[in-house]
Amino acid sequence: MQWTEVSITVNHDVASLVSNILEDHGSNGVVIEDSNDLIHDFEDKFGEIYSLSDEAYPSTGVRLKAYFNEMKYNNTLKTNIINTIKSLEALDNEVFDYQENVIQEQDWENEWKNYFHPFRASKRFTIVPSWEDYQIIDSDELCIELDPGMAFGTGDHPTTNMCLKAIETYVTANDSVIDVGTGSGILSIAAYLLGVNRIKALDLDEMAVKVAIDNFKKNNCEDSIEAVPGNLLTDETEKFDVVIANILAHIIDEMIEDAYNTLNVDGYFITSGIIEEKYEEIIDHMKRVGFKIISVNHDNSWVCIVGQKVSE
């Protein structure tokens, strides 16, 4: 199968909105290349051990790469994406650029290997690509072996990164966990490494479920995590201590009541994938349903919210 890689460069003010637009138009994930990353000292952040190449990043603004299969991408979709982006009031037309490139599926898989190397995603979790060797640095370190394949969630995106930190903080070995929109399975694996015995991973995309199962096998936890296709929590009848959802804000908004009903009392709802412009609406909705807001973290225009169910 052929894929179209759409490469869009925009100013920082609209980058998160453009990412949302691409997801809403059916992209199978978005790669973000931020020119500001070149000024950060990544080797000092959580012991990350990869370096960045100037050639791989735009000189200004943010480059977003989105991927569409040949059955989805056509001139109508392209026009709709461009028109929607150009309607953004804060768009800088001097920075805006739109390019496309046709790649084969094998090229897609290899493209990830150019960007994805072992790195410390949080205080304890280190993400290790399945094709690379890695030696554990300290005794408290937990390594997640990962091959994102056709699903997304590598730990380096702020949304996944913040979820991993929240899992470290709020999930214990005695909890039961349901991971909604599991993608690559990274958050379910993190829960398993913390000693959680009951984990269920859901994703509407059967390809994502397949990739997640493959990653569970790499981490020797395929027998400990139930991975099944599922439409959010609409059909869920079992209760859990923790609900995790790293998906888009408007989808999170749809599932807040179901998340509350799925949780045991004192259970946590860990949710991210929320852009700055939407997080207050999500918090208001969570409070109306009955959640107590425990933490709100921000990273590069993305937000992670943790709420607690305090009563039936």
C-alpha atoms as a PDB file:
ATOM      1  CA  MET A   1       0.000   0.000   0.000  1.00  0.00           C
ATOM      2  CA  GLN A   2       1.167   3.529  -0.748  1.00  0.00           C
ATOM      3  CA  TRP A   3       1.017   6.348   1.785  1.00  0.00           C
ATOM      4  CA  THR A   4       1.056  10.093   1.335  1.00  0.00           C
ATOM      5  CA  GLU A   5       3.238  11.999   3.755  1.00  0.00           C
ATOM      6  CA  VAL A   6       1.865  15.514   4.115  1.00  0.00           C
ATOM      7  CA  SER A   7       4.431  17.962   5.501  1.00  0.00           C
ATOM      8  CA  ILE A   8       3.011  21.252   6.810  1.00  0.00           C
ATOM      9  CA  THR A   9       5.049  24.075   8.334  1.00  0.00           C
ATOM     10  CA  VAL A  10       3.235  26.663  10.468  1.00  0.00           C
ATOM     11  CA  ASN A  11       3.979  29.192  13.202  1.00  0.00           C
ATOM     12  CA  HIS A  12       4.012  27.986  16.822  1.00  0.00           C
ATOM     13  CA  ASP A  13       0.742  29.717  17.716  1.00  0.00           C
ATOM     14  CA  VAL A  14      -1.324  27.338  15.580  1.00  0.00           C
ATOM     15  CA  ALA A  15       0.750  24.128  15.702  1.00  0.00           C
ATOM     16  CA  SER A  16      -1.514  22.301  18.171  1.00  0.00           C
ATOM     17  CA  LEU A  17      -4.609  23.362  16.218  1.00  0.00           C
ATOM     18  CA  VAL A  18      -3.117  22.086  12.950  1.00  0.00           C
ATOM     19  CA  SER A  19      -2.258  18.778  14.626  1.00  0.00           C
ATOM     20  CA  ASN A  20      -5.895  18.518  15.674  1.00  0.00           C
ATOM     21  CA  ILE A  21      -7.062  19.366  12.144  1.00  0.00           C
ATOM     22  CA  LEU A  22      -4.907  16.616  10.644  1.00  0.00           C
ATOM     23  CA  GLU A  23      -6.226  14.064  13.137  1.00  0.00           C
ATOM     24  CA  ASP A  24      -9.805  15.160  12.443  1.00  0.00           C
ATOM     25  CA  HIS A  25      -9.220  14.655   8.708  1.00  0.00           C
ATOM     26  CA  GLY A  26      -8.174  11.037   9.241  1.00  0.00           C
ATOM     27  CA  SER A  27      -4.404  11.121   9.533  1.00  0.00           C
ATOM     28  CA  ASN A  28      -2.849   7.963  10.943  1.00  0.00           C
ATOM     29  CA  GLY A  29      -0.775   9.998  13.380  1.00  0.00           C
ATOM     30  CA  VAL A  30       1.268  13.198  13.312  1.00  0.00           C
ATOM     31  CA  VAL A  31       5.030  13.667  13.651  1.00  0.00           C
ATOM     32  CA  ILE A  32       5.955  17.063  15.132  1.00  0.00           C
ATOM     33  CA  GLU A  33       9.293  18.702  14.326  1.00  0.00           C
ATOM     34  CA  ASP A  34       9.609  21.889  16.368  1.00  0.00           C
ATOM     35  CA  SER A  35      12.413  24.341  15.530  1.00  0.00           C
ATOM     36  CA  ASN A  36      12.560  25.246  19.244  1.00  0.00           C
ATOM     37  CA  ASP A  37      13.705  21.693  20.057  1.00  0.00           C
ATOM     38  CA  LEU A  38      17.102  22.514  18.578  1.00  0.00           C
ATOM     39  CA  ILE A  39      17.831  24.940  21.407  1.00  0.00           C
ATOM     40  CA  HIS A  40      17.040  22.421  24.172  1.00  0.00           C
ATOM     41  CA  ASP A  41      19.670  20.318  25.901  1.00  0.00           C
ATOM     42  CA  PHE A  42      18.028  16.935  25.503  1.00  0.00           C
ATOM     43  CA  GLU A  43      20.899  14.937  26.938  1.00  0.00           C
ATOM     44  CA  ASP A  44      20.229  16.532  30.352  1.00  0.00           C
ATOM     45  CA  LYS A  45      16.473  15.932  30.370  1.00  0.00           C
ATOM     46  CA  PHE A  46      15.674  12.669  32.211  1.00  0.00           C
ATOM     47  CA  GLY A  47      18.933  11.200  30.863  1.00  0.00           C
ATOM     48  CA  GLU A  48      17.742  11.174  27.261  1.00  0.00           C
ATOM     49  CA  ILE A  49      20.551   9.934  25.043  1.00  0.00           C
ATOM     50  CA  TYR A  50      19.550  10.982  21.542  1.00  0.00           C
ATOM     51  CA  SER A  51      20.716  14.037  19.646  1.00  0.00           C
ATOM     52  CA  LEU A  52      18.881  16.142  17.072  1.00  0.00           C
ATOM     53  CA  SER A  53      19.990  16.961  13.557  1.00  0.00           C
ATOM     54  CA  ASP A  54      19.511  20.518  12.261  1.00  0.00           C
ATOM     55  CA  GLU A  55      18.677  19.142   8.816  1.00  0.00           C
ATOM     56  CA  ALA A  56      15.649  17.262  10.185  1.00  0.00           C
ATOM     57  CA  TYR A  57      13.987  20.385  11.598  1.00  0.00           C
ATOM     58  CA  PRO A  58      12.517  23.558  10.081  1.00  0.00           C
ATOM     59  CA  SER A  59      14.511  26.770  10.499  1.00  0.00           C
ATOM     60  CA  THR A  60      11.454  28.453  12.019  1.00  0.00           C
ATOM     61  CA  GLY A  61       8.019  27.400  13.271  1.00  0.00           C
ATOM     62  CA  VAL A  62       6.818  23.816  13.507  1.00  0.00           C
ATOM     63  CA  ARG A  63       6.726  21.165  10.805  1.00  0.00           C
ATOM     64  CA  LEU A  64       3.928  18.599  11.151  1.00  0.00           C
ATOM     65  CA  LYS A  65       4.087  15.379   9.150  1.00  0.00           C
ATOM     66  CA  ALA A  66       0.846  13.480   8.712  1.00  0.00           C
ATOM     67  CA  TYR A  67       0.282  10.155   6.978  1.00  0.00           C
ATOM     68  CA  PHE A  68      -2.718   9.115   4.884  1.00  0.00           C
ATOM     69  CA  ASN A  69      -3.203   5.832   3.052  1.00  0.00           C
ATOM     70  CA  GLU A  70      -3.982   5.874  -0.660  1.00  0.00           C
ATOM     71  CA  MET A  71      -7.678   5.162  -0.065  1.00  0.00           C
ATOM     72  CA  LYS A  72      -8.115   8.314   2.062  1.00  0.00           C
ATOM     73  CA  TYR A  73      -5.934  10.924   0.417  1.00  0.00           C
ATOM     74  CA  ASN A  74      -7.249  12.795  -2.622  1.00  0.00           C
ATOM     75  CA  ASN A  75      -7.496  16.357  -3.947  1.00  0.00           C
ATOM     76  CA  THR A  76     -10.716  17.043  -2.056  1.00  0.00           C
ATOM     77  CA  LEU A  77      -9.139  16.055   1.264  1.00  0.00           C
ATOM     78  CA  LYS A  78      -6.052  18.132   0.466  1.00  0.00           C
ATOM     79  CA  THR A  79      -8.176  21.195  -0.332  1.00  0.00           C
ATOM     80  CA  ASN A  80     -10.225  20.770   2.853  1.00  0.00           C
ATOM     81  CA  ILE A  81      -7.082  20.536   4.997  1.00  0.00           C
ATOM     82  CA  ILE A  82      -5.494  23.618   3.412  1.00  0.00           C
ATOM     83  CA  ASN A  83      -8.684  25.682   3.624  1.00  0.00           C
ATOM     84  CA  THR A  84      -9.246  24.732   7.259  1.00  0.00           C
ATOM     85  CA  ILE A  85      -5.681  25.673   8.195  1.00  0.00           C
ATOM     86  CA  LYS A  86      -5.862  28.949   6.271  1.00  0.00           C
ATOM     87  CA  SER A  87      -9.029  29.851   8.161  1.00  0.00           C
ATOM     88  CA  LEU A  88      -7.085  29.941  11.430  1.00  0.00           C
ATOM     89  CA  GLU A  89      -6.948  33.541  12.573  1.00  0.00           C
ATOM     90  CA  ALA A  90      -3.461  33.249  14.097  1.00  0.00           C
ATOM     91  CA  LEU A  91      -1.879  31.573  11.044  1.00  0.00           C
ATOM     92  CA  ASP A  92       1.253  33.311   9.731  1.00  0.00           C
ATOM     93  CA  ASN A  93       0.986  32.933   5.956  1.00  0.00           C
ATOM     94  CA  GLU A  94       4.673  33.744   5.531  1.00  0.00           C
ATOM     95  CA  VAL A  95       5.593  30.637   7.530  1.00  0.00           C
ATOM     96  CA  PHE A  96       2.875  28.353   6.137  1.00  0.00           C
ATOM     97  CA  ASP A  97       4.076  25.685   3.708  1.00  0.00           C
ATOM     98  CA  TYR A  98       2.386  22.528   2.403  1.00  0.00           C
ATOM     99  CA  GLN A  99       4.292  19.648   0.798  1.00  0.00           C
ATOM    100  CA  GLU A 100       3.379  16.052   0.022  1.00  0.00           C
ATOM    101  CA  ASN A 101       5.387  12.945  -0.734  1.00  0.00           C
ATOM    102  CA  VAL A 102       4.260   9.437  -1.729  1.00  0.00           C
ATOM    103  CA  ILE A 103       5.998   6.662   0.199  1.00  0.00           C
ATOM    104  CA  GLN A 104       5.697   2.889   0.275  1.00  0.00           C
ATOM    105  CA  GLU A 105       4.549   1.120   3.457  1.00  0.00           C
ATOM    106  CA  GLN A 106       8.040  -0.272   4.061  1.00  0.00           C
ATOM    107  CA  ASP A 107       9.449   3.246   3.799  1.00  0.00           C
ATOM    108  CA  TRP A 108       6.919   4.298   6.459  1.00  0.00           C
ATOM    109  CA  GLU A 109       8.254   1.687   8.857  1.00  0.00           C
ATOM    110  CA  ASN A 110      11.872   2.643   8.229  1.00  0.00           C
ATOM    111  CA  GLU A 111      11.091   6.344   8.559  1.00  0.00           C
ATOM    112  CA  TRP A 112      10.396   5.859  12.274  1.00  0.00           C
ATOM    113  CA  LYS A 113      13.851   4.392  12.789  1.00  0.00           C
ATOM    114  CA  ASN A 114      15.419   7.686  11.718  1.00  0.00           C
ATOM    115  CA  TYR A 115      13.735   9.534  14.593  1.00  0.00           C
ATOM    116  CA  PHE A 116      13.188   6.949  17.308  1.00  0.00           C
ATOM    117  CA  HIS A 117      16.060   6.059  19.666  1.00  0.00           C
ATOM    118  CA  PRO A 118      16.234   5.038  23.349  1.00  0.00           C
ATOM    119  CA  PHE A 119      15.329   7.862  25.705  1.00  0.00           C
ATOM    120  CA  ARG A 120      14.208   8.454  29.284  1.00  0.00           C
ATOM    121  CA  ALA A 121      10.555   9.480  29.034  1.00  0.00           C
ATOM    122  CA  SER A 122      10.030  10.106  32.752  1.00  0.00           C
ATOM    123  CA  LYS A 123      11.680   9.560  36.117  1.00  0.00           C
ATOM    124  CA  ARG A 124      11.512   5.770  35.812  1.00  0.00           C
ATOM    125  CA  PHE A 125      10.389   4.824  32.298  1.00  0.00           C
ATOM    126  CA  THR A 126      12.886   4.466  29.452  1.00  0.00           C
ATOM    127  CA  ILE A 127      11.552   3.796  25.955  1.00  0.00           C
ATOM    128  CA  VAL A 128      13.704   1.414  23.917  1.00  0.00           C
ATOM    129  CA  PRO A 129      13.038   0.767  20.186  1.00  0.00           C
ATOM    130  CA  SER A 130      12.842  -2.968  19.543  1.00  0.00           C
ATOM    131  CA  TRP A 131      15.647  -2.801  16.978  1.00  0.00           C
ATOM    132  CA  GLU A 132      18.226  -1.220  19.316  1.00  0.00           C
ATOM    133  CA  ASP A 133      20.282  -2.575  22.226  1.00  0.00           C
ATOM    134  CA  TYR A 134      20.152  -0.742  25.537  1.00  0.00           C
ATOM    135  CA  GLN A 135      21.814  -1.197  28.921  1.00  0.00           C
ATOM    136  CA  ILE A 136      19.830  -0.225  32.038  1.00  0.00           C
ATOM    137  CA  ILE A 137      21.408   2.786  33.757  1.00  0.00           C
ATOM    138  CA  ASP A 138      20.017   2.454  37.297  1.00  0.00           C
ATOM    139  CA  SER A 139      18.135  -0.107  39.378  1.00  0.00           C
ATOM    140  CA  ASP A 140      14.921   1.942  39.528  1.00  0.00           C
ATOM    141  CA  GLU A 141      14.654   2.200  35.745  1.00  0.00           C
ATOM    142  CA  LEU A 142      11.788   0.482  33.908  1.00  0.00           C
ATOM    143  CA  CYS A 143      12.344  -0.200  30.199  1.00  0.00           C
ATOM    144  CA  ILE A 144       9.518  -0.359  27.679  1.00  0.00           C
ATOM    145  CA  GLU A 145      10.557  -2.096  24.461  1.00  0.00           C
ATOM    146  CA  LEU A 146       8.526  -0.604  21.652  1.00  0.00           C
ATOM    147  CA  ASP A 147       7.936  -0.788  17.927  1.00  0.00           C
ATOM    148  CA  PRO A 148       5.276   1.811  17.022  1.00  0.00           C
ATOM    149  CA  GLY A 149       4.570   0.170  13.654  1.00  0.00           C
ATOM    150  CA  MET A 150       1.352   1.613  12.245  1.00  0.00           C
ATOM    151  CA  ALA A 151       0.113   2.822  15.648  1.00  0.00           C
ATOM    152  CA  PHE A 152       1.257   5.843  17.611  1.00  0.00           C
ATOM    153  CA  GLY A 153       2.519   6.525  21.099  1.00  0.00           C
ATOM    154  CA  THR A 154       6.293   6.424  21.486  1.00  0.00           C
ATOM    155  CA  GLY A 155       6.629   8.383  24.710  1.00  0.00           C
ATOM    156  CA  ASP A 156       8.394  11.361  23.174  1.00  0.00           C
ATOM    157  CA  HIS A 157       5.216  13.319  22.427  1.00  0.00           C
ATOM    158  CA  PRO A 158       4.204  15.583  25.344  1.00  0.00           C
ATOM    159  CA  THR A 159       0.806  13.886  25.721  1.00  0.00           C
ATOM    160  CA  THR A 160       2.265  10.406  26.146  1.00  0.00           C
ATOM    161  CA  ASN A 161       5.132  11.748  28.235  1.00  0.00           C
ATOM    162  CA  MET A 162       2.739  13.419  30.679  1.00  0.00           C
ATOM    163  CA  CYS A 163       0.599  10.269  30.885  1.00  0.00           C
ATOM    164  CA  LEU A 164       3.666   8.200  31.801  1.00  0.00           C
ATOM    165  CA  LYS A 165       4.494  10.644  34.596  1.00  0.00           C
ATOM    166  CA  ALA A 166       0.904  10.502  35.852  1.00  0.00           C
ATOM    167  CA  ILE A 167       0.974   6.696  35.804  1.00  0.00           C
ATOM    168  CA  GLU A 168       4.151   6.781  37.908  1.00  0.00           C
ATOM    169  CA  THR A 169       2.437   9.077  40.380  1.00  0.00           C
ATOM    170  CA  TYR A 170      -1.065   7.626  40.710  1.00  0.00           C
ATOM    171  CA  VAL A 171      -1.008   3.948  39.648  1.00  0.00           C
ATOM    172  CA  THR A 172      -0.103   1.238  42.164  1.00  0.00           C
ATOM    173  CA  ALA A 173       0.360  -2.505  41.822  1.00  0.00           C
ATOM    174  CA  ASN A 174      -2.996  -3.122  43.527  1.00  0.00           C
ATOM    175  CA  ASP A 175      -4.949  -1.152  40.910  1.00  0.00           C
ATOM    176  CA  SER A 176      -6.901  -2.407  37.920  1.00  0.00           C
ATOM    177  CA  VAL A 177      -6.365  -0.329  34.769  1.00  0.00           C
ATOM    178  CA  ILE A 178      -8.201   0.224  31.484  1.00  0.00           C
ATOM    179  CA  ASP A 179      -6.290   1.990  28.690  1.00  0.00           C
ATOM    180  CA  VAL A 180      -8.695   3.590  26.191  1.00  0.00           C
ATOM    181  CA  GLY A 181      -7.213   4.241  22.736  1.00  0.00           C
ATOM    182  CA  THR A 182      -4.147   2.173  23.559  1.00  0.00           C
ATOM    183  CA  GLY A 183      -2.332   2.819  20.243  1.00  0.00           C
ATOM    184  CA  SER A 184       1.115   1.223  20.537  1.00  0.00           C
ATOM    185  CA  GLY A 185       0.217  -0.130  23.993  1.00  0.00           C
ATOM    186  CA  ILE A 186       2.881   1.940  25.746  1.00  0.00           C
ATOM    187  CA  LEU A 187       0.698   3.075  28.661  1.00  0.00           C
ATOM    188  CA  SER A 188      -0.586  -0.445  29.331  1.00  0.00           C
ATOM    189  CA  ILE A 189       2.999  -1.730  29.364  1.00  0.00           C
ATOM    190  CA  ALA A 190       3.935   1.027  31.827  1.00  0.00           C
ATOM    191  CA  ALA A 191       1.140  -0.102  34.156  1.00  0.00           C
ATOM    192  CA  TYR A 192       2.314  -3.711  33.864  1.00  0.00           C
ATOM    193  CA  LEU A 193       5.885  -2.756  34.770  1.00  0.00           C
ATOM    194  CA  LEU A 194       4.554  -1.103  37.929  1.00  0.00           C
ATOM    195  CA  GLY A 195       3.094  -4.469  38.944  1.00  0.00           C
ATOM    196  CA  VAL A 196      -0.550  -4.036  37.923  1.00  0.00           C
ATOM    197  CA  ASN A 197      -2.187  -7.436  37.459  1.00  0.00           C
ATOM    198  CA  ARG A 198      -5.478  -6.463  35.763  1.00  0.00           C
ATOM    199  CA  ILE A 199      -5.036  -4.406  32.589  1.00  0.00           C
ATOM    200  CA  LYS A 200      -7.414  -3.997  29.651  1.00  0.00           C
ATOM    201  CA  ALA A 201      -6.341  -2.186  26.473  1.00  0.00           C
ATOM    202  CA  LEU A 202      -8.953  -0.879  24.011  1.00  0.00           C
ATOM    203  CA  ASP A 203      -8.667   0.704  20.591  1.00  0.00           C
ATOM    204  CA  LEU A 204     -11.215   1.304  17.865  1.00  0.00           C
ATOM    205  CA  ASP A 205      -8.519   0.638  15.232  1.00  0.00           C
ATOM    206  CA  GLU A 206      -7.894  -3.095  14.855  1.00  0.00           C
ATOM    207  CA  MET A 207      -4.443  -2.346  13.411  1.00  0.00           C
ATOM    208  CA  ALA A 208      -3.560  -0.535  16.649  1.00  0.00           C
ATOM    209  CA  VAL A 209      -4.738  -3.535  18.681  1.00  0.00           C
ATOM    210  CA  LYS A 210      -2.483  -5.791  16.598  1.00  0.00           C
ATOM    211  CA  VAL A 211       0.512  -3.479  17.088  1.00  0.00           C
ATOM    212  CA  ALA A 212      -0.195  -3.256  20.822  1.00  0.00           C
ATOM    213  CA  ILE A 213      -0.316  -7.047  21.137  1.00  0.00           C
ATOM    214  CA  ASP A 214       3.018  -7.309  19.286  1.00  0.00           C
ATOM    215  CA  ASN A 215       4.525  -4.824  21.746  1.00  0.00           C
ATOM    216  CA  PHE A 216       3.045  -6.730  24.689  1.00  0.00           C
ATOM    217  CA  LYS A 217       4.859  -9.821  23.404  1.00  0.00           C
ATOM    218  CA  LYS A 218       8.136  -7.890  23.182  1.00  0.00           C
ATOM    219  CA  ASN A 219       7.708  -6.942  26.841  1.00  0.00           C
ATOM    220  CA  ASN A 220       6.640 -10.448  27.922  1.00  0.00           C
ATOM    221  CA  CYS A 221       3.252  -9.275  29.120  1.00  0.00           C
ATOM    222  CA  GLU A 222       0.867 -10.497  26.405  1.00  0.00           C
ATOM    223  CA  ASP A 223      -0.739 -12.909  28.895  1.00  0.00           C
ATOM    224  CA  SER A 224      -1.206 -10.119  31.458  1.00  0.00           C
ATOM    225  CA  ILE A 225      -3.009  -7.546  29.286  1.00  0.00           C
ATOM    226  CA  GLU A 226      -6.380  -8.061  27.618  1.00  0.00           C
ATOM    227  CA  ALA A 227      -6.204  -6.262  24.257  1.00  0.00           C
ATOM    228  CA  VAL A 228      -9.464  -5.953  22.321  1.00  0.00           C
ATOM    229  CA  PRO A 229     -11.166  -3.621  19.821  1.00  0.00           C
ATOM    230  CA  GLY A 230     -13.539  -1.268  21.565  1.00  0.00           C
ATOM    231  CA  ASN A 231     -15.476   1.953  20.996  1.00  0.00           C
ATOM    232  CA  LEU A 232     -14.323   4.006  23.982  1.00  0.00           C
ATOM    233  CA  LEU A 233     -16.179   2.834  27.124  1.00  0.00           C
ATOM    234  CA  THR A 234     -19.654   2.587  25.626  1.00  0.00           C
ATOM    235  CA  ASP A 235     -19.886  -1.190  26.096  1.00  0.00           C
ATOM    236  CA  GLU A 236     -17.787  -1.489  29.264  1.00  0.00           C
ATOM    237  CA  THR A 237     -19.528  -3.085  32.258  1.00  0.00           C
ATOM    238  CA  GLU A 238     -16.541  -3.916  34.469  1.00  0.00           C
ATOM    239  CA  LYS A 239     -15.254  -1.470  37.100  1.00  0.00           C
ATOM    240  CA  PHE A 240     -11.605  -0.310  37.220  1.00  0.00           C
ATOM    241  CA  ASP A 241      -9.428   1.692  39.602  1.00  0.00           C
ATOM    242  CA  VAL A 242      -7.775   3.726  36.829  1.00  0.00           C
ATOM    243  CA  VAL A 243      -9.035   4.859  33.434  1.00  0.00           C
ATOM    244  CA  ILE A 244      -6.344   6.159  31.050  1.00  0.00           C
ATOM    245  CA  ALA A 245      -7.212   7.976  27.816  1.00  0.00           C
ATOM    246  CA  ASN A 246      -4.590   9.699  25.667  1.00  0.00           C
ATOM    247  CA  ILE A 247      -6.778  10.769  22.746  1.00  0.00           C
ATOM    248  CA  LEU A 248      -8.249  13.943  21.273  1.00  0.00           C
ATOM    249  CA  ALA A 249     -10.082  16.499  23.409  1.00  0.00           C
ATOM    250  CA  HIS A 250     -13.478  16.210  21.708  1.00  0.00           C
ATOM    251  CA  ILE A 251     -13.396  12.416  22.092  1.00  0.00           C
ATOM    252  CA  ILE A 252     -12.408  12.718  25.752  1.00  0.00           C
ATOM    253  CA  ASP A 253     -15.334  15.091  26.231  1.00  0.00           C
ATOM    254  CA  GLU A 254     -17.682  12.391  24.907  1.00  0.00           C
ATOM    255  CA  MET A 255     -16.451   9.755  27.360  1.00  0.00           C
ATOM    256  CA  ILE A 256     -16.238  11.679  30.658  1.00  0.00           C
ATOM    257  CA  GLU A 257     -19.533  10.291  32.025  1.00  0.00           C
ATOM    258  CA  ASP A 258     -18.593   6.758  30.971  1.00  0.00           C
ATOM    259  CA  ALA A 259     -15.163   7.143  32.589  1.00  0.00           C
ATOM    260  CA  TYR A 260     -16.813   8.212  35.864  1.00  0.00           C
ATOM    261  CA  ASN A 261     -19.212   5.263  35.756  1.00  0.00           C
ATOM    262  CA  THR A 262     -16.409   2.825  34.932  1.00  0.00           C
ATOM    263  CA  LEU A 263     -14.289   3.857  37.917  1.00  0.00           C
ATOM    264  CA  ASN A 264     -14.406   2.497  41.430  1.00  0.00           C
ATOM    265  CA  VAL A 265     -14.754   5.116  44.175  1.00  0.00           C
ATOM    266  CA  ASP A 266     -11.425   6.943  44.706  1.00  0.00           C
ATOM    267  CA  GLY A 267     -10.311   5.805  41.247  1.00  0.00           C
ATOM    268  CA  TYR A 268      -8.347   8.058  38.878  1.00  0.00           C
ATOM    269  CA  PHE A 269      -9.104   9.286  35.369  1.00  0.00           C
ATOM    270  CA  ILE A 270      -5.772  10.100  33.654  1.00  0.00           C
ATOM    271  CA  THR A 271      -6.367  11.881  30.378  1.00  0.00           C
ATOM    272  CA  SER A 272      -4.274  13.766  27.833  1.00  0.00           C
ATOM    273  CA  GLY A 273      -4.223  14.648  24.143  1.00  0.00           C
ATOM    274  CA  ILE A 274      -5.925  17.908  25.113  1.00  0.00           C
ATOM    275  CA  ILE A 275      -4.862  21.173  23.485  1.00  0.00           C
ATOM    276  CA  GLU A 276      -4.562  24.318  25.604  1.00  0.00           C
ATOM    277  CA  GLU A 277      -7.654  25.852  24.021  1.00  0.00           C
ATOM    278  CA  LYS A 278      -9.868  22.970  25.194  1.00  0.00           C
ATOM    279  CA  TYR A 279      -8.619  21.983  28.641  1.00  0.00           C
ATOM    280  CA  GLU A 280     -10.818  24.351  30.671  1.00  0.00           C
ATOM    281  CA  GLU A 281     -13.916  22.953  28.952  1.00  0.00           C
ATOM    282  CA  ILE A 282     -12.777  19.415  29.803  1.00  0.00           C
ATOM    283  CA  ILE A 283     -12.141  20.368  33.443  1.00  0.00           C
ATOM    284  CA  ASP A 284     -15.568  22.019  33.738  1.00  0.00           C
ATOM    285  CA  HIS A 285     -17.247  18.927  32.298  1.00  0.00           C
ATOM    286  CA  MET A 286     -15.315  16.610  34.629  1.00  0.00           C
ATOM    287  CA  LYS A 287     -16.335  18.692  37.641  1.00  0.00           C
ATOM    288  CA  ARG A 288     -20.002  18.670  36.587  1.00  0.00           C
ATOM    289  CA  VAL A 289     -19.943  14.878  36.377  1.00  0.00           C
ATOM    290  CA  GLY A 290     -18.433  14.610  39.852  1.00  0.00           C
ATOM    291  CA  PHE A 291     -14.668  14.392  39.412  1.00  0.00           C
ATOM    292  CA  LYS A 292     -12.306  16.134  41.813  1.00  0.00           C
ATOM    293  CA  ILE A 293      -9.447  17.599  39.771  1.00  0.00           C
ATOM    294  CA  ILE A 294      -6.182  16.307  41.259  1.00  0.00           C
ATOM    295  CA  SER A 295      -3.607  17.710  38.822  1.00  0.00           C
ATOM    296  CA  VAL A 296      -3.342  19.708  35.610  1.00  0.00           C
ATOM    297  CA  ASN A 297      -0.012  19.653  33.753  1.00  0.00           C
ATOM    298  CA  HIS A 298       0.985  21.619  30.657  1.00  0.00           C
ATOM    299  CA  ASP A 299       3.699  20.824  28.128  1.00  0.00           C
ATOM    300  CA  ASN A 300       4.235  22.536  24.774  1.00  0.00           C
ATOM    301  CA  SER A 301       0.551  23.515  24.273  1.00  0.00           C
ATOM    302  CA  TRP A 302      -0.733  20.125  25.442  1.00  0.00           C
ATOM    303  CA  VAL A 303      -2.463  19.345  28.740  1.00  0.00           C
ATOM    304  CA  CYS A 304      -2.792  16.265  30.955  1.00  0.00           C
ATOM    305  CA  ILE A 305      -5.576  16.190  33.536  1.00  0.00           C
ATOM    306  CA  VAL A 306      -5.993  13.771  36.433  1.00  0.00           C
ATOM    307  CA  GLY A 307      -9.398  13.560  38.094  1.00  0.00           C
ATOM    308  CA  GLN A 308     -10.565  11.412  40.991  1.00  0.00           C
ATOM    309  CA  LYS A 309     -13.978   9.853  41.534  1.00  0.00           C
ATOM    310  CA  VAL A 310     -14.809  10.816  45.107  1.00  0.00           C
ATOM    311  CA  SER A 311     -18.304   9.329  45.438  1.00  0.00           C
ATOM    312  CA  GLU A 312     -20.891   7.129  43.724  1.00  0.00           C
END
